[in-house]
PDB file of N, CA and C in Angstrom:
ATOM      1  N   MET A   1       0.930  -1.088  -0.072  1.00  0.00           N
ATOM      2  CA  MET A   1      -0.120  -0.106   0.146  1.00  0.00           C
ATOM      3  C   MET A   1       0.942   1.229  -0.117  1.00  0.00           C
ATOM      4  N   LYS A   2       0.267   2.406  -0.381  1.00  0.00           N
ATOM      5  CA  LYS A   2       1.071   3.429  -0.476  1.00  0.00           C
ATOM      6  C   LYS A   2       0.112   4.717  -0.374  1.00  0.00           C
ATOM      7  N   THR A   3       0.702   5.810   0.355  1.00  0.00           N
ATOM      8  CA  THR A   3      -0.219   6.917   0.539  1.00  0.00           C
ATOM      9  C   THR A   3       0.777   8.114   0.538  1.00  0.00           C
ATOM     10  N   THR A   4       0.258   9.251   0.276  1.00  0.00           N
ATOM     11  CA  THR A   4       0.832  10.514   0.043  1.00  0.00           C
ATOM     12  C   THR A   4       0.338  11.429   1.166  1.00  0.00           C
ATOM     13  N   ILE A   5       1.195  12.265   2.047  1.00  0.00           N
ATOM     14  CA  ILE A   5       0.593  13.195   2.905  1.00  0.00           C
ATOM     15  C   ILE A   5       1.469  14.448   2.654  1.00  0.00           C
ATOM     16  N   LYS A   6       0.532  15.437   2.593  1.00  0.00           N
ATOM     17  CA  LYS A   6       1.158  16.946   2.342  1.00  0.00           C
ATOM     18  C   LYS A   6       1.128  17.110   3.821  1.00  0.00           C
ATOM     19  N   VAL A   7       2.464  17.857   4.162  1.00  0.00           N
ATOM     20  CA  VAL A   7       2.822  18.219   5.393  1.00  0.00           C
ATOM     21  C   VAL A   7       3.119  19.579   5.443  1.00  0.00           C
ATOM     22  N   GLN A   8       3.294  20.261   6.706  1.00  0.00           N
ATOM     23  CA  GLN A   8       3.620  21.739   6.894  1.00  0.00           C
ATOM     24  C   GLN A   8       5.120  21.760   7.385  1.00  0.00           C
ATOM     25  N   ASN A   9       5.763  23.016   7.268  1.00  0.00           N
ATOM     26  CA  ASN A   9       7.005  23.210   7.667  1.00  0.00           C
ATOM     27  C   ASN A   9       8.058  22.436   7.014  1.00  0.00           C
ATOM     28  N   LEU A  10       7.968  21.802   5.972  1.00  0.00           N
ATOM     29  CA  LEU A  10       8.793  20.952   5.206  1.00  0.00           C
ATOM     30  C   LEU A  10       9.706  22.048   4.230  1.00  0.00           C
ATOM     31  N   LYS A  11      11.048  22.406   4.708  1.00  0.00           N
ATOM     32  CA  LYS A  11      11.941  23.311   4.247  1.00  0.00           C
ATOM     33  C   LYS A  11      12.960  23.061   3.212  1.00  0.00           C
ATOM     34  N   CYS A  12      13.352  21.849   3.509  1.00  0.00           N
ATOM     35  CA  CYS A  12      14.591  21.439   2.723  1.00  0.00           C
ATOM     36  C   CYS A  12      15.124  20.114   2.930  1.00  0.00           C
ATOM     37  N   GLU A  13      16.313  19.714   2.407  1.00  0.00           N
ATOM     38  CA  GLU A  13      16.716  18.251   2.181  1.00  0.00           C
ATOM     39  C   GLU A  13      17.151  17.785   3.749  1.00  0.00           C
ATOM     40  N   GLY A  14      17.578  18.707   4.738  1.00  0.00           N
ATOM     41  CA  GLY A  14      17.800  18.288   5.959  1.00  0.00           C
ATOM     42  C   GLY A  14      16.464  17.775   6.774  1.00  0.00           C
ATOM     43  N   CYS A  15      15.246  18.461   6.418  1.00  0.00           N
ATOM     44  CA  CYS A  15      13.967  17.915   6.871  1.00  0.00           C
ATOM     45  C   CYS A  15      13.599  16.807   6.261  1.00  0.00           C
ATOM     46  N   ALA A  16      13.801  16.520   4.970  1.00  0.00           N
ATOM     47  CA  ALA A  16      13.486  15.160   4.102  1.00  0.00           C
ATOM     48  C   ALA A  16      14.373  14.158   4.798  1.00  0.00           C
ATOM     49  N   ASN A  17      15.825  14.351   5.066  1.00  0.00           N
ATOM     50  CA  ASN A  17      16.569  13.359   5.663  1.00  0.00           C
ATOM     51  C   ASN A  17      15.921  12.959   6.975  1.00  0.00           C
ATOM     52  N   THR A  18      15.622  13.660   7.835  1.00  0.00           N
ATOM     53  CA  THR A  18      15.017  13.488   8.908  1.00  0.00           C
ATOM     54  C   THR A  18      13.747  12.538   8.896  1.00  0.00           C
ATOM     55  N   ILE A  19      12.856  13.018   8.331  1.00  0.00           N
ATOM     56  CA  ILE A  19      11.579  12.326   7.991  1.00  0.00           C
ATOM     57  C   ILE A  19      11.906  11.096   7.436  1.00  0.00           C
ATOM     58  N   SER A  20      12.688  10.984   6.636  1.00  0.00           N
ATOM     59  CA  SER A  20      13.094   9.502   5.894  1.00  0.00           C
ATOM     60  C   SER A  20      13.572   8.474   6.923  1.00  0.00           C
ATOM     61  N   LYS A  21      14.443   9.144   7.460  1.00  0.00           N
ATOM     62  CA  LYS A  21      15.244   8.251   8.584  1.00  0.00           C
ATOM     63  C   LYS A  21      14.269   7.695   9.888  1.00  0.00           C
ATOM     64  N   LYS A  22      13.332   8.587  10.130  1.00  0.00           N
ATOM     65  CA  LYS A  22      12.504   8.472  11.157  1.00  0.00           C
ATOM     66  C   LYS A  22      11.358   7.445  10.708  1.00  0.00           C
ATOM     67  N   LEU A  23      10.872   7.646   9.590  1.00  0.00           N
ATOM     68  CA  LEU A  23       9.642   6.936   9.003  1.00  0.00           C
ATOM     69  C   LEU A  23      10.059   5.391   8.757  1.00  0.00           C
ATOM     70  N   HIS A  24      11.407   5.135   8.401  1.00  0.00           N
ATOM     71  CA  HIS A  24      11.983   3.754   8.088  1.00  0.00           C
ATOM     72  C   HIS A  24      11.993   3.126   9.406  1.00  0.00           C
ATOM     73  N   THR A  25      11.972   3.660  10.516  1.00  0.00           N
ATOM     74  CA  THR A  25      12.166   2.881  11.826  1.00  0.00           C
ATOM     75  C   THR A  25      10.745   2.283  12.207  1.00  0.00           C
ATOM     76  N   ILE A  26       9.572   2.615  11.478  1.00  0.00           N
ATOM     77  CA  ILE A  26       8.584   2.102  11.798  1.00  0.00           C
ATOM     78  C   ILE A  26       8.330   0.874  10.991  1.00  0.00           C
ATOM     79  N   GLU A  27       7.836  -0.060  11.823  1.00  0.00           N
ATOM     80  CA  GLU A  27       7.957  -1.407  11.298  1.00  0.00           C
ATOM     81  C   GLU A  27       6.731  -1.523  10.283  1.00  0.00           C
ATOM     82  N   SER A  28       7.027  -2.247   9.091  1.00  0.00           N
ATOM     83  CA  SER A  28       6.142  -2.361   7.845  1.00  0.00           C
ATOM     84  C   SER A  28       6.087  -1.379   6.990  1.00  0.00           C
ATOM     85  N   VAL A  29       7.014  -0.185   7.327  1.00  0.00           N
ATOM     86  CA  VAL A  29       7.249   0.924   6.367  1.00  0.00           C
ATOM     87  C   VAL A  29       8.449   0.407   5.362  1.00  0.00           C
ATOM     88  N   SER A  30       8.201   0.292   4.056  1.00  0.00           N
ATOM     89  CA  SER A  30       9.090   0.004   3.154  1.00  0.00           C
ATOM     90  C   SER A  30      10.091   0.970   2.454  1.00  0.00           C
ATOM     91  N   ILE A  31       9.431   2.063   1.869  1.00  0.00           N
ATOM     92  CA  ILE A  31       9.821   2.994   1.086  1.00  0.00           C
ATOM     93  C   ILE A  31       9.136   4.363   1.658  1.00  0.00           C
ATOM     94  N   VAL A  32      10.068   5.421   1.685  1.00  0.00           N
ATOM     95  CA  VAL A  32       9.768   6.821   1.982  1.00  0.00           C
ATOM     96  C   VAL A  32      10.338   7.649   0.883  1.00  0.00           C
ATOM     97  N   GLU A  33       9.545   8.687   0.174  1.00  0.00           N
ATOM     98  CA  GLU A  33      10.176   9.613  -0.745  1.00  0.00           C
ATOM     99  C   GLU A  33       9.636  10.849  -0.367  1.00  0.00           C
ATOM    100  N   VAL A  34      10.235  11.801  -0.182  1.00  0.00           N
ATOM    101  CA  VAL A  34       9.976  13.130   0.320  1.00  0.00           C
ATOM    102  C   VAL A  34      10.128  14.180  -0.998  1.00  0.00           C
ATOM    103  N   ASP A  35       9.243  14.911  -1.246  1.00  0.00           N
ATOM    104  CA  ASP A  35       9.196  15.861  -2.459  1.00  0.00           C
ATOM    105  C   ASP A  35       9.297  17.096  -1.416  1.00  0.00           C
ATOM    106  N   VAL A  36      10.441  17.874  -1.330  1.00  0.00           N
ATOM    107  CA  VAL A  36      10.453  19.206  -0.557  1.00  0.00           C
ATOM    108  C   VAL A  36       9.742  20.368  -1.187  1.00  0.00           C
ATOM    109  N   GLU A  37       9.845  20.308  -2.396  1.00  0.00           N
ATOM    110  CA  GLU A  37       9.251  21.575  -3.370  1.00  0.00           C
ATOM    111  C   GLU A  37       7.364  21.559  -3.078  1.00  0.00           C
ATOM    112  N   LYS A  38       7.184  20.358  -3.073  1.00  0.00           N
ATOM    113  CA  LYS A  38       5.591  20.139  -2.919  1.00  0.00           C
ATOM    114  C   LYS A  38       5.267  19.845  -1.617  1.00  0.00           C
ATOM    115  N   SER A  39       6.174  19.739  -0.727  1.00  0.00           N
ATOM    116  CA  SER A  39       5.711  19.486   1.010  1.00  0.00           C
ATOM    117  C   SER A  39       5.041  18.048   0.981  1.00  0.00           C
ATOM    118  N   LEU A  40       5.429  17.113   0.095  1.00  0.00           N
ATOM    119  CA  LEU A  40       4.773  15.664   0.137  1.00  0.00           C
ATOM    120  C   LEU A  40       5.732  14.627   0.717  1.00  0.00           C
ATOM    121  N   VAL A  41       5.124  13.896   1.241  1.00  0.00           N
ATOM    122  CA  VAL A  41       5.854  12.556   1.841  1.00  0.00           C
ATOM    123  C   VAL A  41       5.146  11.480   1.447  1.00  0.00           C
ATOM    124  N   GLU A  42       5.787  10.506   0.563  1.00  0.00           N
ATOM    125  CA  GLU A  42       5.035   9.382   0.099  1.00  0.00           C
ATOM    126  C   GLU A  42       5.661   8.186   0.794  1.00  0.00           C
ATOM    127  N   VAL A  43       4.576   7.433   1.164  1.00  0.00           N
ATOM    128  CA  VAL A  43       5.142   6.427   2.400  1.00  0.00           C
ATOM    129  C   VAL A  43       4.460   4.900   1.433  1.00  0.00           C
ATOM    130  N   SER A  44       5.487   4.009   1.312  1.00  0.00           N
ATOM    131  CA  SER A  44       4.786   2.408   1.074  1.00  0.00           C
ATOM    132  C   SER A  44       5.043   1.736   2.439  1.00  0.00           C
ATOM    133  N   TYR A  45       3.905   0.979   2.510  1.00  0.00           N
ATOM    134  CA  TYR A  45       3.888   0.210   3.825  1.00  0.00           C
ATOM    135  C   TYR A  45       2.998  -1.044   3.639  1.00  0.00           C
ATOM    136  N   GLU A  46       3.229  -2.070   4.471  1.00  0.00           N
ATOM    137  CA  GLU A  46       2.583  -3.279   4.348  1.00  0.00           C
ATOM    138  C   GLU A  46       1.308  -3.244   5.301  1.00  0.00           C
ATOM    139  N   ASN A  47       1.104  -2.783   6.283  1.00  0.00           N
ATOM    140  CA  ASN A  47      -0.164  -2.719   7.252  1.00  0.00           C
ATOM    141  C   ASN A  47      -0.994  -1.358   7.317  1.00  0.00           C
ATOM    142  N   GLU A  48      -2.027  -1.441   6.803  1.00  0.00           N
ATOM    143  CA  GLU A  48      -2.886  -0.294   6.757  1.00  0.00           C
ATOM    144  C   GLU A  48      -3.323   0.364   8.036  1.00  0.00           C
ATOM    145  N   GLY A  49      -2.991  -0.375   9.053  1.00  0.00           N
ATOM    146  CA  GLY A  49      -3.152   0.406  10.458  1.00  0.00           C
ATOM    147  C   GLY A  49      -2.337   0.987  10.931  1.00  0.00           C
ATOM    148  N   ILE A  50      -1.048   1.270  10.038  1.00  0.00           N
ATOM    149  CA  ILE A  50      -0.116   2.136  10.563  1.00  0.00           C
ATOM    150  C   ILE A  50       0.052   3.475  10.018  1.00  0.00           C
ATOM    151  N   ILE A  51      -0.853   3.832   9.373  1.00  0.00           N
ATOM    152  CA  ILE A  51      -1.147   5.497   8.775  1.00  0.00           C
ATOM    153  C   ILE A  51      -1.183   6.322   9.981  1.00  0.00           C
ATOM    154  N   GLU A  52      -2.002   6.252  10.922  1.00  0.00           N
ATOM    155  CA  GLU A  52      -2.089   6.932  12.108  1.00  0.00           C
ATOM    156  C   GLU A  52      -0.758   7.056  12.840  1.00  0.00           C
ATOM    157  N   THR A  53       0.068   6.106  12.793  1.00  0.00           N
ATOM    158  CA  THR A  53       1.333   6.094  13.468  1.00  0.00           C
ATOM    159  C   THR A  53       2.384   6.908  12.424  1.00  0.00           C
ATOM    160  N   ILE A  54       2.253   6.815  11.223  1.00  0.00           N
ATOM    161  CA  ILE A  54       3.103   7.800  10.484  1.00  0.00           C
ATOM    162  C   ILE A  54       2.722   9.041  10.552  1.00  0.00           C
ATOM    163  N   LYS A  55       1.533   9.443  10.507  1.00  0.00           N
ATOM    164  CA  LYS A  55       1.013  10.972  10.761  1.00  0.00           C
ATOM    165  C   LYS A  55       1.581  11.592  12.050  1.00  0.00           C
ATOM    166  N   SER A  56       1.368  10.493  13.206  1.00  0.00           N
ATOM    167  CA  SER A  56       1.676  11.055  14.638  1.00  0.00           C
ATOM    168  C   SER A  56       3.311  11.128  14.494  1.00  0.00           C
ATOM    169  N   THR A  57       4.116  10.180  13.909  1.00  0.00           N
ATOM    170  CA  THR A  57       5.517  10.447  14.026  1.00  0.00           C
ATOM    171  C   THR A  57       5.862  11.808  13.126  1.00  0.00           C
ATOM    172  N   LEU A  58       5.310  12.018  12.048  1.00  0.00           N
ATOM    173  CA  LEU A  58       5.404  13.080  11.166  1.00  0.00           C
ATOM    174  C   LEU A  58       5.128  14.501  12.236  1.00  0.00           C
ATOM    175  N   ASN A  59       4.085  14.547  12.899  1.00  0.00           N
ATOM    176  CA  ASN A  59       3.667  15.444  13.728  1.00  0.00           C
ATOM    177  C   ASN A  59       4.684  15.709  14.871  1.00  0.00           C
ATOM    178  N   SER A  60       5.251  14.571  15.591  1.00  0.00           N
ATOM    179  CA  SER A  60       6.090  14.684  16.674  1.00  0.00           C
ATOM    180  C   SER A  60       7.407  15.153  16.227  1.00  0.00           C
ATOM    181  N   LEU A  61       7.846  14.842  14.888  1.00  0.00           N
ATOM    182  CA  LEU A  61       9.114  15.846  14.209  1.00  0.00           C
ATOM    183  C   LEU A  61       8.731  17.160  13.930  1.00  0.00           C
ATOM    184  N   GLY A  62       7.643  17.578  14.122  1.00  0.00           N
ATOM    185  CA  GLY A  62       7.179  19.094  13.721  1.00  0.00           C
ATOM    186  C   GLY A  62       6.600  19.337  12.300  1.00  0.00           C
ATOM    187  N   TYR A  63       6.250  18.308  11.756  1.00  0.00           N
ATOM    188  CA  TYR A  63       5.720  18.166  10.244  1.00  0.00           C
ATOM    189  C   TYR A  63       4.144  17.866  10.241  1.00  0.00           C
ATOM    190  N   PRO A  64       3.317  18.595  10.835  1.00  0.00           N
ATOM    191  CA  PRO A  64       1.954  18.004  11.069  1.00  0.00           C
ATOM    192  C   PRO A  64       1.217  18.136   9.400  1.00  0.00           C
ATOM    193  N   GLU A  65       0.500  17.225   9.377  1.00  0.00           N
ATOM    194  CA  GLU A  65      -0.366  17.089   7.907  1.00  0.00           C
ATOM    195  C   GLU A  65      -1.004  18.423   7.645  1.00  0.00           C
ATOM    196  N   GLU A  66      -1.056  18.924   6.488  1.00  0.00           N
ATOM    197  CA  GLU A  66      -1.751  19.881   5.940  1.00  0.00           C
ATOM    198  C   GLU A  66      -3.197  20.059   6.434  1.00  0.00           C
ATOM    199  N   GLY A  67      -3.566  21.281   6.949  1.00  0.00           N
ATOM    200  CA  GLY A  67      -4.936  21.168   7.779  1.00  0.00           C
ATOM    201  C   GLY A  67      -4.919  21.077   9.086  1.00  0.00           C
ATOM    202  N   GLU A  68      -3.942  20.395   9.571  1.00  0.00           N
ATOM    203  CA  GLU A  68      -3.802  20.295  11.017  1.00  0.00           C
ATOM    204  C   GLU A  68      -3.325  21.448  11.627  1.00  0.00           C
ATOM    205  N   SER A  69      -3.380  21.499  13.022  1.00  0.00           N
ATOM    206  CA  SER A  69      -2.926  22.710  13.808  1.00  0.00           C
ATOM    207  C   SER A  69      -1.398  22.952  13.795  1.00  0.00           C
ATOM    208  N   ASN A  70      -0.941  23.889  13.297  1.00  0.00           N
ATOM    209  CA  ASN A  70       0.477  24.199  13.179  1.00  0.00           C
ATOM    210  C   ASN A  70       0.909  25.219  14.233  1.00  0.00           C
ATOM    211  N   THR A  71       0.994  24.534  15.355  1.00  0.00           N
ATOM    212  CA  THR A  71       1.567  25.315  16.624  1.00  0.00           C
ATOM    213  C   THR A  71       2.849  25.919  16.476  1.00  0.00           C
ATOM    214  N   PHE A  72       3.071  26.765  17.310  1.00  0.00           N
ATOM    215  CA  PHE A  72       4.697  27.343  17.373  1.00  0.00           C
ATOM    216  C   PHE A  72       5.685  26.271  17.672  1.00  0.00           C
ATOM    217  N   GLY A  73       5.184  25.146  18.696  1.00  0.00           N
ATOM    218  CA  GLY A  73       5.844  24.016  19.120  1.00  0.00           C
ATOM    219  C   GLY A  73       6.156  23.140  17.873  1.00  0.00           C
ATOM    220  N   ASN A  74       5.310  23.074  17.087  1.00  0.00           N
ATOM    221  CA  ASN A  74       5.578  22.323  15.578  1.00  0.00           C
ATOM    222  C   ASN A  74       6.606  23.038  14.871  1.00  0.00           C
ATOM    223  N   LYS A  75       6.450  24.150  14.730  1.00  0.00           N
ATOM    224  CA  LYS A  75       7.356  24.959  13.832  1.00  0.00           C
ATOM    225  C   LYS A  75       8.836  24.863  14.597  1.00  0.00           C
ATOM    226  N   ALA A  76       8.927  24.977  16.077  1.00  0.00           N
ATOM    227  CA  ALA A  76      10.162  24.965  16.565  1.00  0.00           C
ATOM    228  C   ALA A  76      10.881  23.462  16.391  1.00  0.00           C
ATOM    229  N   LYS A  77      10.059  22.500  16.501  1.00  0.00           N
ATOM    230  CA  LYS A  77      10.244  21.034  16.319  1.00  0.00           C
ATOM    231  C   LYS A  77      10.783  20.952  14.977  1.00  0.00           C
ATOM    232  N   SER A  78      10.202  21.290  13.997  1.00  0.00           N
ATOM    233  CA  SER A  78      10.729  21.199  12.613  1.00  0.00           C
ATOM    234  C   SER A  78      11.967  21.691  12.219  1.00  0.00           C
ATOM    235  N   TYR A  79      12.406  23.069  12.950  1.00  0.00           N
ATOM    236  CA  TYR A  79      13.917  23.486  12.825  1.00  0.00           C
ATOM    237  C   TYR A  79      14.777  22.462  13.614  1.00  0.00           C
ATOM    238  N   ILE A  80      14.408  22.095  14.718  1.00  0.00           N
ATOM    239  CA  ILE A  80      15.513  20.986  15.199  1.00  0.00           C
ATOM    240  C   ILE A  80      15.525  19.896  14.382  1.00  0.00           C
ATOM    241  N   SER A  81      14.603  19.339  13.739  1.00  0.00           N
ATOM    242  CA  SER A  81      14.589  18.196  13.053  1.00  0.00           C
ATOM    243  C   SER A  81      15.407  18.416  11.810  1.00  0.00           C
ATOM    244  N   CYS A  82      15.064  19.557  11.112  1.00  0.00           N
ATOM    245  CA  CYS A  82      15.759  20.006  10.115  1.00  0.00           C
ATOM    246  C   CYS A  82      17.544  19.991  10.218  1.00  0.00           C
ATOM    247  N   ALA A  83      17.780  20.768  11.491  1.00  0.00           N
ATOM    248  CA  ALA A  83      19.354  20.836  11.920  1.00  0.00           C
ATOM    249  C   ALA A  83      19.673  19.312  11.976  1.00  0.00           C
ATOM    250  N   ILE A  84      19.120  18.718  12.498  1.00  0.00           N
ATOM    251  CA  ILE A  84      19.689  17.149  12.681  1.00  0.00           C
ATOM    252  C   ILE A  84      19.730  16.593  11.549  1.00  0.00           C
ATOM    253  N   GLY A  85      18.923  16.810  10.674  1.00  0.00           N
ATOM    254  CA  GLY A  85      18.816  16.052   9.079  1.00  0.00           C
ATOM    255  C   GLY A  85      19.852  16.656   8.394  1.00  0.00           C
ATOM    256  N   LYS A  86      20.351  18.017   8.627  1.00  0.00           N
ATOM    257  CA  LYS A  86      21.460  18.324   7.914  1.00  0.00           C
ATOM    258  C   LYS A  86      22.986  17.873   8.303  1.00  0.00           C
ATOM    259  N   ILE A  87      22.856  17.670   9.597  1.00  0.00           N
ATOM    260  CA  ILE A  87      24.065  17.042  10.141  1.00  0.00           C
ATOM    261  C   ILE A  87      24.363  15.639   9.605  1.00  0.00           C
ATOM    262  N   ASP A  88      23.463  14.733   9.579  1.00  0.00           N
ATOM    263  CA  ASP A  88      23.445  13.460   8.849  1.00  0.00           C
ATOM    264  C   ASP A  88      23.446  13.317   7.552  1.00  0.00           C
ATOM    265  N   LEU A  89      23.342  14.499   6.678  1.00  0.00           N
ATOM    266  CA  LEU A  89      23.544  14.329   5.087  1.00  0.00           C
ATOM    267  C   LEU A  89      25.113  13.952   4.798  1.00  0.00           C
TER     268      LEU A  89
END
């Protein structure tokens, strides 16, 4: 199965790197593709029940789904996630 999620606060390849690494730690997630320009995260997975875990993980990193509340806390977390992702590039 595959789903595409439009997220907020996605700014650069550092963000994409953090998102990809973190989502790959979720059991049953096989492929993660991040389109920085369109703010899209495409995830391939084996278990349909995992969607909420994926969205929750994105939110915890500071990248809530488009249409969800984008608090100051989310924005701050996204900057930290971005910096960590840039270090690991």
